[in-house]
Amino acid sequence: MKHTRAALVRREASANLRKRRDTLLTSQSLKMPYPDLLSAAAPALLPKRERRKDARPRELLDAALVLFVKQGFAATKAEDVARHAGVSKGTLFLYFSSKEDLFKAVVRENITGQFSEFNAALDRFTGSTEMLLRTFMTAWWERVGATHSAGICKLMVSEGGQFPELADFYRSEVIDPACQVIARVLERGVQRGELIALKAPHSVYTVLAPIVFLMLWNSAPSLSGMRALDGKAFLDAQIDILLLGMGVPKAPTNLDPNAPLRSVALTEKQ
């Protein structure tokens, strides 16, 4: 009976989280960052006790995200997460069947849900490839890179070998969808005559690499020497470099034969 109740609670919590994420995805544009998910308020019209119950899954996910990133997956205990969220260990297991299940829910809630909107926005986008790259990179930075969620990448690099099931999950829920979005952006650029066709998957990894580097660098003070990078400025510079290497050259006009040699502008800013 106890297990049946726990299963019902988990299903209800999962449905509420999906509904909340879907609401965010349909109500926000790529140019508008999500509300601060770590401090989202519970519905004001519900009774206090019911409001607290509905907020528990979110509170547990918030606590788990902070502790997983700070302490690592192996070092974080279920009771630590429960204590951080202000509930008992038993309450945590009403919503999540295991620590692994909790970790997967953290990834789905904070990262995986982004990709459905990115793909939908890509279908609607009408601007240049340069505009598209800058818009997507900015949206990623605001929603993932500049939040606690970025630390999950470092966690997977350091502990993925110990937990191959979680590494496979992260690859299928985060890395693969990210590569698919990037591939769509690049293919669109080639079709519009704005990018040269490069061999896949190397072209995709060329875009993915600075994103991964930025997450690792800013999440590891021992690596960066406490010199965190300005994410927006760094990504803008990377896009400039990508366009210089992958953009379709445009024929120069009215060249001054006495002018010093310089790179030809590859795309016009719109």
Protein backbone atom coordinates (compact mmCIF):
# COMPACT_ATOMS: atom_id res chain seq x y z
CA MET A 1 0.00 0.00 0.00
CA LYS A 2 2.87 2.30 0.90
CA HIS A 3 4.59 1.63 -2.43
CA THR A 4 1.33 2.25 -4.29
CA ARG A 5 0.92 5.62 -2.59
CA ALA A 6 4.49 6.58 -3.38
CA ALA A 7 4.00 5.65 -7.02
CA LEU A 8 0.84 7.76 -7.21
CA VAL A 9 2.61 10.73 -5.63
CA ARG A 10 5.53 10.41 -8.05
CA ARG A 11 3.21 10.25 -11.06
CA GLU A 12 1.30 13.31 -9.87
CA ALA A 13 4.53 15.24 -9.20
CA SER A 14 5.93 14.29 -12.59
CA ALA A 15 2.75 15.42 -14.34
CA ASN A 16 2.81 18.76 -12.49
CA LEU A 17 6.45 19.35 -13.43
CA ARG A 18 5.78 18.56 -17.09
CA LYS A 19 2.76 20.87 -17.10
CA ARG A 20 4.82 23.66 -15.53
CA ARG A 21 7.67 23.18 -18.02
CA ASP A 22 5.30 23.08 -20.98
CA THR A 23 3.71 26.32 -19.78
CA LEU A 24 7.12 27.97 -19.66
CA LEU A 25 8.07 26.66 -23.09
CA THR A 26 4.93 27.95 -24.76
CA SER A 27 4.88 31.32 -23.01
CA GLN A 28 8.51 32.39 -23.45
CA SER A 29 10.39 33.35 -26.61
CA LEU A 30 14.05 32.64 -27.28
CA LYS A 31 14.87 36.27 -26.68
CA MET A 32 13.16 36.26 -23.29
CA PRO A 33 14.93 34.24 -20.55
CA TYR A 34 12.87 32.01 -18.28
CA PRO A 35 11.77 33.30 -14.91
CA ASP A 36 14.18 32.36 -12.11
CA LEU A 37 13.22 28.71 -11.65
CA LEU A 38 15.18 28.46 -8.42
CA SER A 39 12.95 31.00 -6.74
CA ALA A 40 9.62 30.40 -8.47
CA ALA A 41 6.71 31.19 -6.16
CA ALA A 42 3.91 28.73 -5.53
CA PRO A 43 0.39 29.60 -6.69
CA ALA A 44 -0.97 32.22 -4.30
CA LEU A 45 -4.60 31.09 -4.46
CA LEU A 46 -4.03 27.59 -3.04
CA PRO A 47 -4.37 26.88 0.69
CA LYS A 48 -1.03 27.00 2.50
CA ARG A 49 -0.83 23.24 3.10
CA GLU A 50 -1.74 22.39 -0.50
CA ARG A 51 0.60 25.06 -1.79
CA ARG A 52 3.46 23.52 0.19
CA LYS A 53 2.67 20.04 -1.17
CA ASP A 54 2.63 21.21 -4.78
CA ALA A 55 5.93 23.05 -4.29
CA ARG A 56 7.81 20.08 -2.83
CA PRO A 57 8.99 18.47 -6.09
CA ARG A 58 10.38 21.80 -7.26
CA GLU A 59 12.04 22.44 -3.89
CA LEU A 60 13.60 18.97 -3.92
CA LEU A 61 14.89 19.47 -7.47
CA ASP A 62 16.34 22.87 -6.56
CA ALA A 63 18.08 21.43 -3.51
CA ALA A 64 19.38 18.45 -5.48
CA LEU A 65 20.76 20.65 -8.25
CA VAL A 66 22.68 22.83 -5.80
CA LEU A 67 24.12 19.87 -3.89
CA PHE A 68 24.95 17.74 -6.93
CA VAL A 69 26.90 20.62 -8.45
CA LYS A 70 28.60 21.59 -5.18
CA GLN A 71 29.41 18.12 -3.78
CA GLY A 72 29.14 15.76 -6.74
CA PHE A 73 26.70 12.92 -7.28
CA ALA A 74 28.49 10.26 -5.22
CA ALA A 75 29.04 12.52 -2.20
CA THR A 76 25.46 13.81 -2.12
CA LYS A 77 23.17 11.70 0.03
CA ALA A 78 19.40 11.57 -0.22
CA GLU A 79 19.10 12.80 3.37
CA ASP A 80 21.28 15.82 2.48
CA VAL A 81 18.88 16.80 -0.29
CA ALA A 82 15.85 16.28 1.95
CA ARG A 83 17.39 18.35 4.74
CA HIS A 84 18.31 21.14 2.31
CA ALA A 85 14.71 21.17 1.04
CA GLY A 86 13.30 21.12 4.58
CA VAL A 87 11.59 17.72 4.36
CA SER A 88 12.26 14.21 5.59
CA LYS A 89 14.12 11.55 3.62
CA GLY A 90 10.89 9.57 3.45
CA THR A 91 9.12 12.51 1.82
CA LEU A 92 11.82 12.68 -0.86
CA PHE A 93 11.24 9.04 -1.77
CA LEU A 94 7.53 9.70 -2.12
CA TYR A 95 8.39 11.80 -5.18
CA PHE A 96 11.56 10.14 -6.48
CA SER A 97 12.24 6.42 -6.30
CA SER A 98 16.04 6.75 -5.97
CA LYS A 99 18.89 9.24 -6.05
CA GLU A 100 19.45 8.31 -9.70
CA ASP A 101 15.81 9.06 -10.47
CA LEU A 102 16.21 12.42 -8.69
CA PHE A 103 19.26 13.27 -10.78
CA LYS A 104 17.44 12.44 -14.01
CA ALA A 105 14.53 14.65 -12.97
CA VAL A 106 16.95 17.52 -12.27
CA VAL A 107 18.43 17.22 -15.77
CA ARG A 108 15.03 16.96 -17.46
CA GLU A 109 13.60 19.92 -15.57
CA ASN A 110 16.56 22.27 -15.97
CA ILE A 111 18.13 21.33 -19.31
CA THR A 112 16.25 18.81 -21.45
CA GLY A 113 13.11 20.94 -21.59
CA GLN A 114 15.02 23.67 -23.45
CA PHE A 115 15.45 21.71 -26.66
CA SER A 116 11.80 21.47 -27.65
CA GLU A 117 11.55 25.26 -27.64
CA PHE A 118 14.84 25.68 -29.46
CA ASN A 119 13.58 23.43 -32.26
CA ALA A 120 10.22 25.20 -32.40
CA ALA A 121 11.91 28.61 -32.51
CA LEU A 122 14.23 27.41 -35.25
CA ASP A 123 11.19 26.51 -37.37
CA ARG A 124 9.95 30.10 -37.03
CA PHE A 125 13.23 31.98 -37.38
CA THR A 126 13.61 34.07 -40.54
CA GLY A 127 16.81 36.01 -39.91
CA SER A 128 20.38 35.40 -41.04
CA THR A 129 22.58 32.58 -39.81
CA GLU A 130 24.66 35.03 -37.81
CA MET A 131 21.55 36.36 -36.07
CA LEU A 132 20.39 32.81 -35.43
CA LEU A 133 23.69 31.73 -33.89
CA ARG A 134 23.83 34.80 -31.63
CA THR A 135 20.20 34.41 -30.58
CA PHE A 136 20.58 30.73 -29.72
CA MET A 137 23.89 31.16 -27.95
CA THR A 138 22.50 34.03 -25.87
CA ALA A 139 19.39 32.03 -24.98
CA TRP A 140 21.49 29.04 -23.97
CA TRP A 141 23.75 31.20 -21.82
CA GLU A 142 20.87 32.89 -20.00
CA ARG A 143 18.92 29.69 -19.39
CA VAL A 144 21.68 27.15 -18.72
CA GLY A 145 25.23 28.47 -18.90
CA ALA A 146 24.77 31.23 -16.33
CA THR A 147 22.84 29.01 -13.89
CA HIS A 148 23.65 26.13 -11.54
CA SER A 149 22.67 23.78 -14.36
CA ALA A 150 25.98 24.43 -16.13
CA GLY A 151 27.74 22.58 -13.31
CA ILE A 152 26.12 19.31 -14.32
CA CYS A 153 28.47 19.14 -17.31
CA LYS A 154 31.51 19.19 -14.98
CA LEU A 155 29.84 16.58 -12.78
CA MET A 156 29.40 14.26 -15.78
CA VAL A 157 33.02 14.72 -16.85
CA SER A 158 34.32 13.93 -13.36
CA GLU A 159 31.89 11.17 -12.35
CA GLY A 160 30.43 9.79 -15.56
CA GLY A 161 32.89 6.90 -15.53
CA GLN A 162 31.65 5.84 -12.10
CA PHE A 163 28.01 6.04 -13.13
CA PRO A 164 27.78 4.87 -16.78
CA GLU A 165 23.97 4.72 -16.70
CA LEU A 166 23.79 8.40 -15.77
CA ALA A 167 26.43 9.25 -18.39
CA ASP A 168 24.35 7.48 -21.05
CA PHE A 169 21.28 9.32 -19.82
CA TYR A 170 23.04 12.71 -19.97
CA ARG A 171 24.30 11.96 -23.46
CA SER A 172 20.83 11.01 -24.73
CA GLU A 173 18.99 13.83 -22.93
CA VAL A 174 21.48 16.69 -23.36
CA ILE A 175 24.42 16.08 -25.70
CA ASP A 176 22.53 14.35 -28.53
CA PRO A 177 19.63 16.87 -28.61
CA ALA A 178 22.12 19.76 -28.48
CA CYS A 179 24.03 18.30 -31.43
CA GLN A 180 20.78 17.88 -33.36
CA VAL A 181 19.84 21.53 -32.85
CA ILE A 182 23.31 22.68 -33.88
CA ALA A 183 23.19 20.45 -36.98
CA ARG A 184 19.87 22.03 -37.98
CA VAL A 185 21.31 25.53 -37.59
CA LEU A 186 24.33 24.68 -39.73
CA GLU A 187 22.29 22.89 -42.41
CA ARG A 188 19.99 25.90 -42.61
CA GLY A 189 23.01 28.16 -43.09
CA VAL A 190 24.34 25.97 -45.90
CA GLN A 191 20.94 25.93 -47.63
CA ARG A 192 20.77 29.74 -47.44
CA GLY A 193 24.24 30.03 -48.95
CA GLU A 194 25.65 31.63 -45.78
CA LEU A 195 27.85 28.77 -44.60
CA ILE A 196 30.13 26.35 -46.40
CA ALA A 197 29.30 22.66 -46.10
CA LEU A 198 31.72 20.96 -43.72
CA LYS A 199 31.93 17.30 -42.92
CA ALA A 200 29.68 16.20 -40.07
CA PRO A 201 29.97 15.66 -37.16
CA HIS A 202 33.10 17.82 -36.97
CA SER A 203 31.26 21.00 -37.88
CA VAL A 204 28.73 20.34 -35.10
CA TYR A 205 31.49 19.75 -32.56
CA THR A 206 33.15 22.99 -33.66
CA VAL A 207 30.07 24.83 -32.37
CA LEU A 208 29.57 22.59 -29.33
CA ALA A 209 33.19 22.74 -28.13
CA PRO A 210 33.23 26.37 -26.88
CA ILE A 211 29.91 25.81 -25.10
CA VAL A 212 31.30 22.81 -23.21
CA PHE A 213 34.56 24.63 -22.50
CA LEU A 214 32.71 27.62 -21.05
CA MET A 215 30.64 25.44 -18.72
CA LEU A 216 33.72 23.55 -17.50
CA TRP A 217 35.88 26.67 -17.12
CA ASN A 218 33.35 28.67 -15.10
CA SER A 219 32.39 25.63 -12.99
CA ALA A 220 35.98 24.78 -12.00
CA PRO A 221 37.76 27.55 -10.00
CA SER A 222 40.83 25.31 -9.72
CA LEU A 223 41.05 25.30 -13.53
CA SER A 224 40.20 28.94 -14.16
CA GLY A 225 42.05 30.36 -11.17
CA MET A 226 38.83 32.13 -10.15
CA ARG A 227 38.91 34.05 -13.46
CA ALA A 228 35.40 33.33 -14.67
CA LEU A 229 34.73 34.32 -18.26
CA ASP A 230 32.02 36.72 -19.35
CA GLY A 231 29.83 34.13 -21.06
CA LYS A 232 28.09 36.49 -23.47
CA ALA A 233 31.33 38.15 -24.62
CA PHE A 234 33.10 34.80 -24.96
CA LEU A 235 30.32 33.30 -27.07
CA ASP A 236 30.13 36.39 -29.29
CA ALA A 237 33.87 36.05 -29.96
CA GLN A 238 33.45 32.36 -30.76
CA ILE A 239 30.69 33.13 -33.25
CA ASP A 240 32.94 35.67 -34.94
CA ILE A 241 35.63 32.99 -35.28
CA LEU A 242 33.12 30.40 -36.54
CA LEU A 243 31.84 32.76 -39.21
CA LEU A 244 35.37 33.54 -40.35
CA GLY A 245 36.05 29.81 -40.79
CA MET A 246 32.66 28.56 -41.97
CA GLY A 247 31.06 31.57 -43.65
CA VAL A 248 30.83 31.82 -47.42
CA PRO A 249 33.36 34.46 -48.57
CA LYS A 250 31.92 37.43 -50.37
CA ALA A 251 33.78 38.99 -53.27
CA PRO A 252 35.50 42.22 -52.17
CA THR A 253 34.62 45.40 -54.02
CA ASN A 254 36.53 48.67 -54.56
CA LEU A 255 39.73 47.36 -53.03
CA ASP A 256 42.48 49.89 -52.44
CA PRO A 257 45.69 48.30 -53.77
CA ASN A 258 47.69 50.26 -51.21
CA ALA A 259 45.56 49.11 -48.27
CA PRO A 260 47.05 46.48 -45.90
CA LEU A 261 45.83 42.92 -46.29
CA ARG A 262 42.88 41.98 -44.09
CA SER A 263 40.18 39.37 -43.84
CA VAL A 264 37.19 39.86 -46.10
CA ALA A 265 33.87 40.29 -44.24
CA LEU A 266 31.98 37.05 -44.61
CA THR A 267 28.48 38.05 -43.61
CA GLU A 268 26.60 41.27 -43.37
CA LYS A 269 25.11 42.05 -40.00
CA GLN A 270 21.37 42.42 -40.22
